[in-house]
PDB file of all heavy atoms in Angstrom:
ATOM      1  N   ASP A   1     111.648  84.323  98.306  1.00  0.00           N
ATOM      2  CA  ASP A   1     112.929  83.808  98.776  1.00  0.00           C
ATOM      3  C   ASP A   1     112.721  82.428  99.409  1.00  0.00           C
ATOM      4  O   ASP A   1     113.591  81.910 100.082  1.00  0.00           O
ATOM      5  CB  ASP A   1     113.605  84.781  99.753  1.00  0.00           C
ATOM      6  CG  ASP A   1     112.855  84.960 101.061  1.00  0.00           C
ATOM      7  OD1 ASP A   1     111.724  84.460 101.189  1.00  0.00           O
ATOM      8  OD2 ASP A   1     113.398  85.619 101.963  1.00  0.00           O
ATOM      9  N   MET A   2     111.543  81.848  99.173  1.00  0.00           N
ATOM     10  CA  MET A   2     111.211  80.531  99.711  1.00  0.00           C
ATOM     11  C   MET A   2     111.981  79.429  98.989  1.00  0.00           C
ATOM     12  O   MET A   2     112.251  79.549  97.798  1.00  0.00           O
ATOM     13  CB  MET A   2     109.717  80.232  99.534  1.00  0.00           C
ATOM     14  CG  MET A   2     108.802  81.023 100.398  1.00  0.00           C
ATOM     15  SD  MET A   2     107.082  80.544 100.078  1.00  0.00           S
ATOM     16  CE  MET A   2     106.271  81.417 101.380  1.00  0.00           C
ATOM     17  N   PRO A   3     112.266  78.343  99.708  1.00  0.00           N
ATOM     18  CA  PRO A   3     112.809  77.166  99.037  1.00  0.00           C
ATOM     19  C   PRO A   3     111.793  76.640  98.013  1.00  0.00           C
ATOM     20  O   PRO A   3     110.587  76.853  98.171  1.00  0.00           O
ATOM     21  CB  PRO A   3     113.002  76.151 100.167  1.00  0.00           C
ATOM     22  CG  PRO A   3     112.958  76.945 101.430  1.00  0.00           C
ATOM     23  CD  PRO A   3     112.146  78.166 101.149  1.00  0.00           C
ATOM     24  N   GLU A   4     112.271  75.975  96.991  1.00  0.00           N
ATOM     25  CA  GLU A   4     111.442  75.533  95.875  1.00  0.00           C
ATOM     26  C   GLU A   4     110.196  74.762  96.322  1.00  0.00           C
ATOM     27  O   GLU A   4     109.084  75.065  95.886  1.00  0.00           O
ATOM     28  CB  GLU A   4     112.272  74.663  94.924  1.00  0.00           C
ATOM     29  CG  GLU A   4     111.516  74.154  93.725  1.00  0.00           C
ATOM     30  CD  GLU A   4     111.283  75.225  92.665  1.00  0.00           C
ATOM     31  OE1 GLU A   4     111.880  76.300  92.745  1.00  0.00           O
ATOM     32  OE2 GLU A   4     110.471  74.973  91.765  1.00  0.00           O
ATOM     33  N   GLU A   5     110.354  73.782  97.186  1.00  0.00           N
ATOM     34  CA  GLU A   5     109.216  72.956  97.613  1.00  0.00           C
ATOM     35  C   GLU A   5     108.162  73.793  98.340  1.00  0.00           C
ATOM     36  O   GLU A   5     106.964  73.672  98.081  1.00  0.00           O
ATOM     37  CB  GLU A   5     109.697  71.817  98.511  1.00  0.00           C
ATOM     38  CG  GLU A   5     108.609  70.835  98.871  1.00  0.00           C
ATOM     39  CD  GLU A   5     109.131  69.655  99.690  1.00  0.00           C
ATOM     40  OE1 GLU A   5     110.253  69.195  99.441  1.00  0.00           O
ATOM     41  OE2 GLU A   5     108.386  69.217 100.582  1.00  0.00           O
ATOM     42  N   MET A   6     108.600  74.661  99.229  1.00  0.00           N
ATOM     43  CA  MET A   6     107.669  75.527  99.962  1.00  0.00           C
ATOM     44  C   MET A   6     106.980  76.502  99.000  1.00  0.00           C
ATOM     45  O   MET A   6     105.783  76.748  99.121  1.00  0.00           O
ATOM     46  CB  MET A   6     108.393  76.309 101.057  1.00  0.00           C
ATOM     47  CG  MET A   6     107.486  77.237 101.846  1.00  0.00           C
ATOM     48  SD  MET A   6     108.374  78.305 103.001  1.00  0.00           S
ATOM     49  CE  MET A   6     108.552  77.201 104.382  1.00  0.00           C
ATOM     50  N   ARG A   7     107.737  77.044  98.053  1.00  0.00           N
ATOM     51  CA  ARG A   7     107.170  77.980  97.080  1.00  0.00           C
ATOM     52  C   ARG A   7     106.068  77.341  96.265  1.00  0.00           C
ATOM     53  O   ARG A   7     104.990  77.901  96.098  1.00  0.00           O
ATOM     54  CB  ARG A   7     108.257  78.512  96.136  1.00  0.00           C
ATOM     55  CG  ARG A   7     107.703  79.496  95.103  1.00  0.00           C
ATOM     56  CD  ARG A   7     108.752  79.914  94.100  1.00  0.00           C
ATOM     57  NE  ARG A   7     109.250  78.817  93.292  1.00  0.00           N
ATOM     58  CZ  ARG A   7     108.618  78.304  92.230  1.00  0.00           C
ATOM     59  NH1 ARG A   7     107.463  78.795  91.849  1.00  0.00           N
ATOM     60  NH2 ARG A   7     109.155  77.320  91.558  1.00  0.00           N
ATOM     61  N   VAL A   8     106.316  76.129  95.785  1.00  0.00           N
ATOM     62  CA  VAL A   8     105.319  75.427  94.977  1.00  0.00           C
ATOM     63  C   VAL A   8     104.063  75.162  95.804  1.00  0.00           C
ATOM     64  O   VAL A   8     102.945  75.421  95.353  1.00  0.00           O
ATOM     65  CB  VAL A   8     105.900  74.119  94.405  1.00  0.00           C
ATOM     66  CG1 VAL A   8     104.815  73.258  93.783  1.00  0.00           C
ATOM     67  CG2 VAL A   8     106.990  74.433  93.387  1.00  0.00           C
ATOM     68  N   GLU A   9     104.230  74.661  97.019  1.00  0.00           N
ATOM     69  CA  GLU A   9     103.073  74.394  97.891  1.00  0.00           C
ATOM     70  C   GLU A   9     102.293  75.668  98.196  1.00  0.00           C
ATOM     71  O   GLU A   9     101.062  75.674  98.185  1.00  0.00           O
ATOM     72  CB  GLU A   9     103.532  73.744  99.196  1.00  0.00           C
ATOM     73  CG  GLU A   9     103.964  72.310  99.053  1.00  0.00           C
ATOM     74  CD  GLU A   9     104.347  71.701 100.395  1.00  0.00           C
ATOM     75  OE1 GLU A   9     103.586  71.875 101.366  1.00  0.00           O
ATOM     76  OE2 GLU A   9     105.403  71.053 100.451  1.00  0.00           O
ATOM     77  N   THR A  10     103.004  76.750  98.464  1.00  0.00           N
ATOM     78  CA  THR A  10     102.354  78.011  98.800  1.00  0.00           C
ATOM     79  C   THR A  10     101.603  78.576  97.600  1.00  0.00           C
ATOM     80  O   THR A  10     100.467  79.046  97.733  1.00  0.00           O
ATOM     81  CB  THR A  10     103.391  79.028  99.321  1.00  0.00           C
ATOM     82  OG1 THR A  10     104.081  78.450 100.436  1.00  0.00           O
ATOM     83  CG2 THR A  10     102.715  80.321  99.750  1.00  0.00           C
ATOM     84  N   MET A  11     102.219  78.518  96.423  1.00  0.00           N
ATOM     85  CA  MET A  11     101.546  79.013  95.220  1.00  0.00           C
ATOM     86  C   MET A  11     100.286  78.197  94.932  1.00  0.00           C
ATOM     87  O   MET A  11      99.243  78.752  94.583  1.00  0.00           O
ATOM     88  CB  MET A  11     102.493  78.985  94.030  1.00  0.00           C
ATOM     89  CG  MET A  11     103.570  80.055  94.113  1.00  0.00           C
ATOM     90  SD  MET A  11     104.728  80.009  92.734  1.00  0.00           S
ATOM     91  CE  MET A  11     103.714  80.722  91.442  1.00  0.00           C
ATOM     92  N   GLU A  12     100.371  76.877  95.069  1.00  0.00           N
ATOM     93  CA  GLU A  12      99.190  76.030  94.850  1.00  0.00           C
ATOM     94  C   GLU A  12      98.099  76.366  95.848  1.00  0.00           C
ATOM     95  O   GLU A  12      96.918  76.431  95.502  1.00  0.00           O
ATOM     96  CB  GLU A  12      99.581  74.558  94.932  1.00  0.00           C
ATOM     97  CG  GLU A  12     100.394  74.080  93.754  1.00  0.00           C
ATOM     98  CD  GLU A  12     100.900  72.647  93.896  1.00  0.00           C
ATOM     99  OE1 GLU A  12     100.694  72.030  94.966  1.00  0.00           O
ATOM    100  OE2 GLU A  12     101.512  72.172  92.933  1.00  0.00           O
ATOM    101  N   LEU A  13      98.463  76.586  97.093  1.00  0.00           N
ATOM    102  CA  LEU A  13      97.498  76.966  98.122  1.00  0.00           C
ATOM    103  C   LEU A  13      96.850  78.316  97.787  1.00  0.00           C
ATOM    104  O   LEU A  13      95.627  78.476  97.911  1.00  0.00           O
ATOM    105  CB  LEU A  13      98.187  77.028  99.485  1.00  0.00           C
ATOM    106  CG  LEU A  13      97.357  77.543 100.651  1.00  0.00           C
ATOM    107  CD1 LEU A  13      96.134  76.667 100.884  1.00  0.00           C
ATOM    108  CD2 LEU A  13      98.223  77.619 101.899  1.00  0.00           C
ATOM    109  N   CYS A  14      97.644  79.280  97.351  1.00  0.00           N
ATOM    110  CA  CYS A  14      97.112  80.604  96.995  1.00  0.00           C
ATOM    111  C   CYS A  14      96.130  80.511  95.836  1.00  0.00           C
ATOM    112  O   CYS A  14      95.072  81.143  95.859  1.00  0.00           O
ATOM    113  CB  CYS A  14      98.252  81.558  96.655  1.00  0.00           C
ATOM    114  SG  CYS A  14      99.262  82.016  98.070  1.00  0.00           S
ATOM    115  N   VAL A  15      96.461  79.714  94.835  1.00  0.00           N
ATOM    116  CA  VAL A  15      95.563  79.538  93.687  1.00  0.00           C
ATOM    117  C   VAL A  15      94.262  78.893  94.134  1.00  0.00           C
ATOM    118  O   VAL A  15      93.171  79.353  93.776  1.00  0.00           O
ATOM    119  CB  VAL A  15      96.241  78.698  92.581  1.00  0.00           C
ATOM    120  CG1 VAL A  15      95.232  78.277  91.531  1.00  0.00           C
ATOM    121  CG2 VAL A  15      97.371  79.480  91.949  1.00  0.00           C
ATOM    122  N   THR A  16      94.353  77.846  94.932  1.00  0.00           N
ATOM    123  CA  THR A  16      93.160  77.161  95.431  1.00  0.00           C
ATOM    124  C   THR A  16      92.264  78.117  96.210  1.00  0.00           C
ATOM    125  O   THR A  16      91.056  78.167  95.996  1.00  0.00           O
ATOM    126  CB  THR A  16      93.558  75.969  96.322  1.00  0.00           C
ATOM    127  OG1 THR A  16      94.350  75.065  95.552  1.00  0.00           O
ATOM    128  CG2 THR A  16      92.340  75.248  96.871  1.00  0.00           C
ATOM    129  N   ALA A  17      92.862  78.881  97.115  1.00  0.00           N
ATOM    130  CA  ALA A  17      92.086  79.810  97.944  1.00  0.00           C
ATOM    131  C   ALA A  17      91.455  80.924  97.104  1.00  0.00           C
ATOM    132  O   ALA A  17      90.288  81.261  97.296  1.00  0.00           O
ATOM    133  CB  ALA A  17      92.976  80.410  99.028  1.00  0.00           C
ATOM    134  N   CYS A  18      92.213  81.467  96.163  1.00  0.00           N
ATOM    135  CA  CYS A  18      91.686  82.557  95.326  1.00  0.00           C
ATOM    136  C   CYS A  18      90.586  82.077  94.394  1.00  0.00           C
ATOM    137  O   CYS A  18      89.657  82.823  94.086  1.00  0.00           O
ATOM    138  CB  CYS A  18      92.817  83.217  94.538  1.00  0.00           C
ATOM    139  SG  CYS A  18      93.916  84.207  95.574  1.00  0.00           S
ATOM    140  N   GLU A  19      90.679  80.834  93.954  1.00  0.00           N
ATOM    141  CA  GLU A  19      89.610  80.278  93.111  1.00  0.00           C
ATOM    142  C   GLU A  19      88.377  79.949  93.946  1.00  0.00           C
ATOM    143  O   GLU A  19      87.253  80.210  93.537  1.00  0.00           O
ATOM    144  CB  GLU A  19      90.111  79.032  92.372  1.00  0.00           C
ATOM    145  CG  GLU A  19      91.061  79.360  91.242  1.00  0.00           C
ATOM    146  CD  GLU A  19      91.615  78.119  90.551  1.00  0.00           C
ATOM    147  OE1 GLU A  19      91.541  77.003  91.130  1.00  0.00           O
ATOM    148  OE2 GLU A  19      92.139  78.274  89.438  1.00  0.00           O
ATOM    149  N   LYS A  20      88.591  79.380  95.127  1.00  0.00           N
ATOM    150  CA  LYS A  20      87.476  78.999  95.990  1.00  0.00           C
ATOM    151  C   LYS A  20      86.700  80.223  96.488  1.00  0.00           C
ATOM    152  O   LYS A  20      85.477  80.200  96.575  1.00  0.00           O
ATOM    153  CB  LYS A  20      87.992  78.197  97.181  1.00  0.00           C
ATOM    154  CG  LYS A  20      86.913  77.705  98.107  1.00  0.00           C
ATOM    155  CD  LYS A  20      87.462  76.800  99.192  1.00  0.00           C
ATOM    156  CE  LYS A  20      86.349  76.290 100.086  1.00  0.00           C
ATOM    157  NZ  LYS A  20      86.858  75.364 101.116  1.00  0.00           N
ATOM    158  N   PHE A  21      87.431  81.281  96.822  1.00  0.00           N
ATOM    159  CA  PHE A  21      86.809  82.492  97.352  1.00  0.00           C
ATOM    160  C   PHE A  21      87.040  83.658  96.386  1.00  0.00           C
ATOM    161  O   PHE A  21      87.580  84.701  96.763  1.00  0.00           O
ATOM    162  CB  PHE A  21      87.382  82.824  98.733  1.00  0.00           C
ATOM    163  CG  PHE A  21      87.146  81.761  99.759  1.00  0.00           C
ATOM    164  CD1 PHE A  21      88.166  80.919 100.159  1.00  0.00           C
ATOM    165  CD2 PHE A  21      85.893  81.597 100.321  1.00  0.00           C
ATOM    166  CE1 PHE A  21      87.956  79.930 101.111  1.00  0.00           C
ATOM    167  CE2 PHE A  21      85.664  80.617 101.280  1.00  0.00           C
ATOM    168  CZ  PHE A  21      86.692  79.782 101.674  1.00  0.00           C
ATOM    169  N   ALA A  22      86.620  83.479  95.154  1.00  0.00           N
ATOM    170  CA  ALA A  22      86.882  84.459  94.092  1.00  0.00           C
ATOM    171  C   ALA A  22      86.319  85.841  94.399  1.00  0.00           C
ATOM    172  O   ALA A  22      86.853  86.842  93.946  1.00  0.00           O
ATOM    173  CB  ALA A  22      86.332  83.950  92.767  1.00  0.00           C
ATOM    174  N   THR A  23      85.270  85.904  95.179  1.00  0.00           N
ATOM    175  CA  THR A  23      84.643  87.198  95.478  1.00  0.00           C
ATOM    176  C   THR A  23      84.876  87.651  96.922  1.00  0.00           C
ATOM    177  O   THR A  23      84.293  88.639  97.358  1.00  0.00           O
ATOM    178  CB  THR A  23      83.129  87.145  95.209  1.00  0.00           C
ATOM    179  OG1 THR A  23      82.550  86.128  96.035  1.00  0.00           O
ATOM    180  CG2 THR A  23      82.844  86.846  93.746  1.00  0.00           C
ATOM    181  N   ASN A  24      85.715  86.926  97.661  1.00  0.00           N
ATOM    182  CA  ASN A  24      85.931  87.259  99.065  1.00  0.00           C
ATOM    183  C   ASN A  24      87.413  87.094  99.419  1.00  0.00           C
ATOM    184  O   ASN A  24      87.839  86.023  99.861  1.00  0.00           O
ATOM    185  CB  ASN A  24      85.049  86.361  99.945  1.00  0.00           C
ATOM    186  CG  ASN A  24      85.044  86.802 101.387  1.00  0.00           C
ATOM    187  OD1 ASN A  24      85.968  87.476 101.863  1.00  0.00           O
ATOM    188  ND2 ASN A  24      84.004  86.422 102.114  1.00  0.00           N
ATOM    189  N   ASN A  25      88.183  88.153  99.236  1.00  0.00           N
ATOM    190  CA  ASN A  25      89.623  88.108  99.507  1.00  0.00           C
ATOM    191  C   ASN A  25      89.934  87.825 100.974  1.00  0.00           C
ATOM    192  O   ASN A  25      90.937  87.188 101.283  1.00  0.00           O
ATOM    193  CB  ASN A  25      90.292  89.418  99.084  1.00  0.00           C
ATOM    194  CG  ASN A  25      90.289  89.620  97.594  1.00  0.00           C
ATOM    195  OD1 ASN A  25      90.064  88.673  96.834  1.00  0.00           O
ATOM    196  ND2 ASN A  25      90.547  90.833  97.167  1.00  0.00           N
ATOM    197  N   GLU A  26      89.076  88.290 101.865  1.00  0.00           N
ATOM    198  CA  GLU A  26      89.311  88.072 103.290  1.00  0.00           C
ATOM    199  C   GLU A  26      89.256  86.579 103.631  1.00  0.00           C
ATOM    200  O   GLU A  26      90.107  86.071 104.365  1.00  0.00           O
ATOM    201  CB  GLU A  26      88.292  88.840 104.116  1.00  0.00           C
ATOM    202  CG  GLU A  26      88.559  88.787 105.609  1.00  0.00           C
ATOM    203  CD  GLU A  26      87.610  89.651 106.422  1.00  0.00           C
ATOM    204  OE1 GLU A  26      86.922  90.516 105.856  1.00  0.00           O
ATOM    205  OE2 GLU A  26      87.574  89.439 107.646  1.00  0.00           O
ATOM    206  N   SER A  27      88.280  85.868 103.085  1.00  0.00           N
ATOM    207  CA  SER A  27      88.169  84.424 103.320  1.00  0.00           C
ATOM    208  C   SER A  27      89.332  83.670 102.686  1.00  0.00           C
ATOM    209  O   SER A  27      89.850  82.715 103.265  1.00  0.00           O
ATOM    210  CB  SER A  27      86.850  83.890 102.770  1.00  0.00           C
ATOM    211  OG  SER A  27      85.769  84.427 103.492  1.00  0.00           O
ATOM    212  N   ALA A  28      89.759  84.111 101.505  1.00  0.00           N
ATOM    213  CA  ALA A  28      90.907  83.479 100.842  1.00  0.00           C
ATOM    214  C   ALA A  28      92.163  83.662 101.682  1.00  0.00           C
ATOM    215  O   ALA A  28      92.928  82.721 101.892  1.00  0.00           O
ATOM    216  CB  ALA A  28      91.101  84.053  99.445  1.00  0.00           C
ATOM    217  N   ALA A  29      92.384  84.876 102.186  1.00  0.00           N
ATOM    218  CA  ALA A  29      93.561  85.157 103.020  1.00  0.00           C
ATOM    219  C   ALA A  29      93.528  84.333 104.304  1.00  0.00           C
ATOM    220  O   ALA A  29      94.552  83.806 104.739  1.00  0.00           O
ATOM    221  CB  ALA A  29      93.626  86.649 103.348  1.00  0.00           C
ATOM    222  N   LYS A  30      92.342  84.207 104.899  1.00  0.00           N
ATOM    223  CA  LYS A  30      92.200  83.416 106.134  1.00  0.00           C
ATOM    224  C   LYS A  30      92.531  81.953 105.868  1.00  0.00           C
ATOM    225  O   LYS A  30      93.232  81.313 106.663  1.00  0.00           O
ATOM    226  CB  LYS A  30      90.778  83.556 106.673  1.00  0.00           C
ATOM    227  CG  LYS A  30      90.561  82.861 107.989  1.00  0.00           C
ATOM    228  CD  LYS A  30      89.161  83.103 108.531  1.00  0.00           C
ATOM    229  CE  LYS A  30      88.988  82.385 109.846  1.00  0.00           C
ATOM    230  NZ  LYS A  30      87.649  82.570 110.408  1.00  0.00           N
ATOM    231  N   MET A  31      92.056  81.414 104.744  1.00  0.00           N
ATOM    232  CA  MET A  31      92.348  80.021 104.391  1.00  0.00           C
ATOM    233  C   MET A  31      93.854  79.805 104.209  1.00  0.00           C
ATOM    234  O   MET A  31      94.412  78.833 104.717  1.00  0.00           O
ATOM    235  CB  MET A  31      91.608  79.646 103.112  1.00  0.00           C
ATOM    236  CG  MET A  31      91.897  78.241 102.631  1.00  0.00           C
ATOM    237  SD  MET A  31      91.053  77.932 101.058  1.00  0.00           S
ATOM    238  CE  MET A  31      91.890  76.443 100.541  1.00  0.00           C
TER     239      MET A  31
END
């Protein structure tokens, strides 16, 4: 239910974190 700009930024951040910490979900969530 996020505004478009916030949604795009959040999705990009989630992708970056999940790629950076591919084997550590806790570190990705913290980032």
